[in-house]
Amino acid sequence: MLTVLDADGGLLKLSFSPHQREELLEFLGSARQAVAFEVLGWPFGGASVRQTSNAGPAAGMEDGS
């Protein structure tokens, strides 16, 4: 499920079920071929949550958030 947090800044929150994690990571990897983006862990207040590589989920994504 996508939630638009900031339409002007292009900030979206992507919520997913933990059992769909692998499918989500595959989708994000494919999407990066067409559109540049970065993944931020949720909530944004945490330390070092930015991820710009295809190495895996950002902090906070491990549990499906």
N, C-alpha and C. Protein backbone atom coordinates (compact mmCIF):
# COMPACT_ATOMS: atom_id res chain seq x y z
N MET A 1 0.85 -1.16 0.00
CA MET A 1 0.00 0.00 0.00
C MET A 1 0.90 1.23 0.00
N LEU A 2 0.63 2.16 -0.87
CA LEU A 2 1.37 3.41 -0.95
C LEU A 2 0.58 4.54 -0.29
N THR A 3 1.30 5.36 0.46
CA THR A 3 0.72 6.57 1.05
C THR A 3 1.60 7.73 0.63
N VAL A 4 1.01 8.77 0.06
CA VAL A 4 1.76 9.96 -0.33
C VAL A 4 1.95 10.83 0.90
N LEU A 5 3.21 11.04 1.28
CA LEU A 5 3.53 11.88 2.43
C LEU A 5 3.83 13.31 2.00
N ASP A 6 4.43 13.48 0.82
CA ASP A 6 4.77 14.80 0.29
C ASP A 6 4.74 14.72 -1.23
N ALA A 7 3.64 15.16 -1.82
CA ALA A 7 3.48 15.06 -3.27
C ALA A 7 4.51 15.91 -4.01
N ASP A 8 4.80 17.10 -3.52
CA ASP A 8 5.76 17.97 -4.19
C ASP A 8 7.17 17.39 -4.13
N GLY A 9 7.52 16.77 -3.02
CA GLY A 9 8.85 16.20 -2.85
C GLY A 9 8.95 14.76 -3.33
N GLY A 10 7.83 14.17 -3.73
CA GLY A 10 7.83 12.80 -4.20
C GLY A 10 8.10 11.79 -3.09
N LEU A 11 7.64 12.06 -1.88
CA LEU A 11 7.88 11.19 -0.74
C LEU A 11 6.68 10.28 -0.53
N LEU A 12 6.91 8.98 -0.61
CA LEU A 12 5.87 7.98 -0.45
C LEU A 12 6.22 7.06 0.70
N LYS A 13 5.21 6.56 1.38
CA LYS A 13 5.40 5.51 2.37
C LYS A 13 4.85 4.23 1.77
N LEU A 14 5.67 3.21 1.76
CA LEU A 14 5.28 1.92 1.20
C LEU A 14 5.13 0.94 2.35
N SER A 15 3.91 0.47 2.59
CA SER A 15 3.64 -0.51 3.64
C SER A 15 3.43 -1.86 2.98
N PHE A 16 3.97 -2.91 3.61
CA PHE A 16 3.84 -4.22 3.02
C PHE A 16 3.81 -5.28 4.10
N SER A 17 3.30 -6.44 3.75
CA SER A 17 3.25 -7.57 4.65
C SER A 17 4.63 -8.23 4.70
N PRO A 18 5.11 -8.61 5.87
CA PRO A 18 6.44 -9.22 5.97
C PRO A 18 6.62 -10.44 5.07
N HIS A 19 5.57 -11.20 4.81
CA HIS A 19 5.73 -12.38 3.96
C HIS A 19 5.93 -12.01 2.49
N GLN A 20 5.72 -10.75 2.13
CA GLN A 20 5.93 -10.30 0.75
C GLN A 20 7.23 -9.53 0.58
N ARG A 21 8.11 -9.61 1.56
CA ARG A 21 9.36 -8.85 1.55
C ARG A 21 10.21 -9.13 0.31
N GLU A 22 10.40 -10.40 -0.03
CA GLU A 22 11.23 -10.75 -1.19
C GLU A 22 10.65 -10.19 -2.48
N GLU A 23 9.34 -10.28 -2.64
CA GLU A 23 8.70 -9.74 -3.83
C GLU A 23 8.87 -8.22 -3.89
N LEU A 24 8.75 -7.57 -2.74
CA LEU A 24 8.92 -6.12 -2.69
C LEU A 24 10.34 -5.74 -3.08
N LEU A 25 11.33 -6.43 -2.53
CA LEU A 25 12.72 -6.12 -2.86
C LEU A 25 13.01 -6.34 -4.35
N GLU A 26 12.42 -7.37 -4.93
CA GLU A 26 12.56 -7.62 -6.36
C GLU A 26 11.94 -6.48 -7.17
N PHE A 27 10.75 -6.05 -6.76
CA PHE A 27 10.09 -4.93 -7.42
C PHE A 27 10.94 -3.66 -7.33
N LEU A 28 11.45 -3.34 -6.13
CA LEU A 28 12.26 -2.13 -5.96
C LEU A 28 13.53 -2.20 -6.81
N GLY A 29 14.14 -3.37 -6.89
CA GLY A 29 15.32 -3.53 -7.73
C GLY A 29 15.01 -3.28 -9.20
N SER A 30 13.88 -3.77 -9.67
CA SER A 30 13.46 -3.54 -11.05
C SER A 30 13.11 -2.07 -11.28
N ALA A 31 12.43 -1.46 -10.32
CA ALA A 31 12.02 -0.06 -10.46
C ALA A 31 13.23 0.86 -10.55
N ARG A 32 14.32 0.50 -9.88
CA ARG A 32 15.53 1.33 -9.91
C ARG A 32 16.16 1.37 -11.30
N GLN A 33 15.80 0.44 -12.14
CA GLN A 33 16.30 0.46 -13.52
C GLN A 33 15.66 1.59 -14.32
N ALA A 34 14.47 2.00 -13.91
CA ALA A 34 13.73 3.03 -14.65
C ALA A 34 13.70 4.39 -13.95
N VAL A 35 13.73 4.40 -12.62
CA VAL A 35 13.55 5.63 -11.85
C VAL A 35 14.57 5.67 -10.71
N ALA A 36 15.26 6.79 -10.60
CA ALA A 36 16.20 6.94 -9.48
C ALA A 36 15.42 7.28 -8.21
N PHE A 37 15.70 6.57 -7.12
CA PHE A 37 15.07 6.85 -5.83
C PHE A 37 15.94 6.29 -4.73
N GLU A 38 15.63 6.70 -3.51
CA GLU A 38 16.31 6.14 -2.36
C GLU A 38 15.28 5.63 -1.37
N VAL A 39 15.67 4.65 -0.60
CA VAL A 39 14.79 4.05 0.39
C VAL A 39 15.20 4.57 1.76
N LEU A 40 14.22 5.05 2.51
CA LEU A 40 14.45 5.53 3.87
C LEU A 40 13.72 4.63 4.84
N GLY A 41 14.35 4.31 5.95
CA GLY A 41 13.69 3.53 6.98
C GLY A 41 12.59 4.34 7.64
N TRP A 42 11.66 3.68 8.28
CA TRP A 42 10.55 4.35 8.94
C TRP A 42 10.61 4.06 10.42
N PRO A 43 10.49 4.98 11.30
CA PRO A 43 10.26 6.41 11.06
C PRO A 43 11.56 7.11 10.71
N PHE A 44 11.46 8.32 10.19
CA PHE A 44 12.63 9.04 9.70
C PHE A 44 13.55 9.54 10.80
N GLY A 45 13.14 9.53 12.06
CA GLY A 45 13.94 10.07 13.16
C GLY A 45 15.16 9.24 13.51
N GLY A 46 15.27 8.01 12.99
CA GLY A 46 16.37 7.13 13.35
C GLY A 46 17.69 7.56 12.73
N ALA A 47 18.77 7.02 13.25
CA ALA A 47 20.11 7.34 12.75
C ALA A 47 20.42 6.51 11.52
N SER A 48 21.01 7.15 10.53
CA SER A 48 21.51 6.50 9.33
C SER A 48 20.50 5.57 8.69
N VAL A 49 19.40 6.11 8.21
CA VAL A 49 18.35 5.28 7.62
C VAL A 49 18.34 5.35 6.10
N ARG A 50 19.19 6.15 5.52
CA ARG A 50 19.19 6.28 4.06
C ARG A 50 19.86 5.09 3.41
N GLN A 51 19.31 4.68 2.29
CA GLN A 51 19.89 3.61 1.51
C GLN A 51 19.77 3.98 0.04
N THR A 52 20.87 3.92 -0.68
CA THR A 52 20.82 4.26 -2.10
C THR A 52 21.30 3.13 -2.97
N SER A 53 21.71 2.01 -2.39
CA SER A 53 22.17 0.88 -3.18
C SER A 53 21.06 -0.16 -3.27
N ASN A 54 21.31 -1.25 -3.97
CA ASN A 54 20.36 -2.34 -4.09
C ASN A 54 20.69 -3.46 -3.10
N ALA A 55 21.41 -3.14 -2.03
CA ALA A 55 21.90 -4.16 -1.11
C ALA A 55 20.80 -4.76 -0.23
N GLY A 56 19.67 -4.13 -0.11
CA GLY A 56 18.61 -4.67 0.75
C GLY A 56 17.79 -3.54 1.32
N PRO A 57 16.93 -3.87 2.27
CA PRO A 57 16.05 -2.85 2.82
C PRO A 57 16.78 -1.89 3.74
N ALA A 58 16.26 -0.70 3.86
CA ALA A 58 16.80 0.27 4.80
C ALA A 58 16.39 -0.13 6.21
N ALA A 59 17.03 0.46 7.17
CA ALA A 59 16.67 0.20 8.56
C ALA A 59 15.18 0.45 8.76
N GLY A 60 14.52 -0.44 9.43
CA GLY A 60 13.09 -0.29 9.65
C GLY A 60 12.25 -1.09 8.67
N MET A 61 12.84 -1.54 7.57
CA MET A 61 12.08 -2.33 6.59
C MET A 61 12.12 -3.81 6.89
N GLU A 62 12.99 -4.26 7.78
CA GLU A 62 13.13 -5.68 8.05
C GLU A 62 11.84 -6.32 8.51
N ASP A 63 11.00 -5.54 9.21
CA ASP A 63 9.77 -6.10 9.77
C ASP A 63 8.55 -5.79 8.91
N GLY A 64 8.76 -5.29 7.70
CA GLY A 64 7.64 -5.01 6.82
C GLY A 64 7.05 -3.64 6.94
N SER A 65 7.72 -2.75 7.67
CA SER A 65 7.18 -1.41 7.82
C SER A 65 7.63 -0.52 6.68
